[in-house]
Amino acid sequence: MSDYETLQKLAYGLIAIMFVFYFVESLVIYKQELAGDNGSDGNMTLTTAPTV
């Protein structure tokens, strides 16, 4: 296997890992928004950083 093929496999693996983390993060944010909408858990609402 050449160095190019190894680098290509590493790049594809990194992209796949990024997609997995993006998908998991979007699910967590979606669940937090649902919890904030119905008021079941006040600690799970999304907040923005205060502007200075």
Protein backbone atom coordinates (compact mmCIF):
# COMPACT_ATOMS: atom_id res chain seq x y z
CA MET A 1 0.00 0.00 0.00
CA SER A 2 1.36 3.38 -0.96
CA ASP A 3 1.60 6.41 1.28
CA TYR A 4 -1.11 8.09 -0.79
CA GLU A 5 -3.58 5.28 -0.11
CA THR A 6 -2.78 5.37 3.60
CA LEU A 7 -3.29 9.13 3.72
CA GLN A 8 -6.54 8.81 1.79
CA LYS A 9 -7.88 6.20 4.23
CA LEU A 10 -6.94 8.40 7.19
CA ALA A 11 -8.68 11.38 5.60
CA TYR A 12 -11.85 9.38 4.93
CA GLY A 13 -11.76 8.05 8.48
CA LEU A 14 -11.43 11.56 9.89
CA ILE A 15 -14.35 12.79 7.78
CA ALA A 16 -16.48 9.86 8.96
CA ILE A 17 -15.66 10.60 12.61
CA MET A 18 -16.54 14.28 12.08
CA PHE A 19 -19.92 13.31 10.61
CA VAL A 20 -20.64 11.01 13.56
CA PHE A 21 -19.83 13.73 16.10
CA TYR A 22 -21.88 16.29 14.15
CA PHE A 23 -24.87 13.94 14.09
CA VAL A 24 -24.62 13.15 17.81
CA GLU A 25 -24.26 16.84 18.68
CA SER A 26 -27.32 17.74 16.61
CA LEU A 27 -29.35 15.08 18.43
CA VAL A 28 -28.26 16.44 21.82
CA ILE A 29 -29.17 20.00 20.84
CA TYR A 30 -32.54 18.82 19.48
CA LYS A 31 -33.31 17.00 22.75
CA GLN A 32 -32.33 20.09 24.74
CA GLU A 33 -34.67 22.25 22.65
CA LEU A 34 -37.52 19.80 23.19
CA ALA A 35 -36.91 19.76 26.94
CA GLY A 36 -36.85 23.56 26.98
CA ASP A 37 -40.07 23.88 24.98
CA ASN A 38 -42.29 21.84 27.27
CA GLY A 39 -40.65 23.09 30.47
CA SER A 40 -39.87 19.60 31.77
CA ASP A 41 -36.28 20.44 32.64
CA GLY A 42 -35.24 24.05 33.09
CA ASN A 43 -31.55 23.15 33.19
CA MET A 44 -31.56 21.77 29.65
CA THR A 45 -32.31 24.99 27.77
CA LEU A 46 -29.88 26.45 25.29
CA THR A 47 -28.26 29.72 26.29
CA THR A 48 -26.15 32.18 24.38
CA ALA A 49 -22.99 33.81 25.63
CA PRO A 50 -23.54 37.29 27.03
CA THR A 51 -22.39 40.11 24.82
CA VAL A 52 -19.93 42.57 26.28
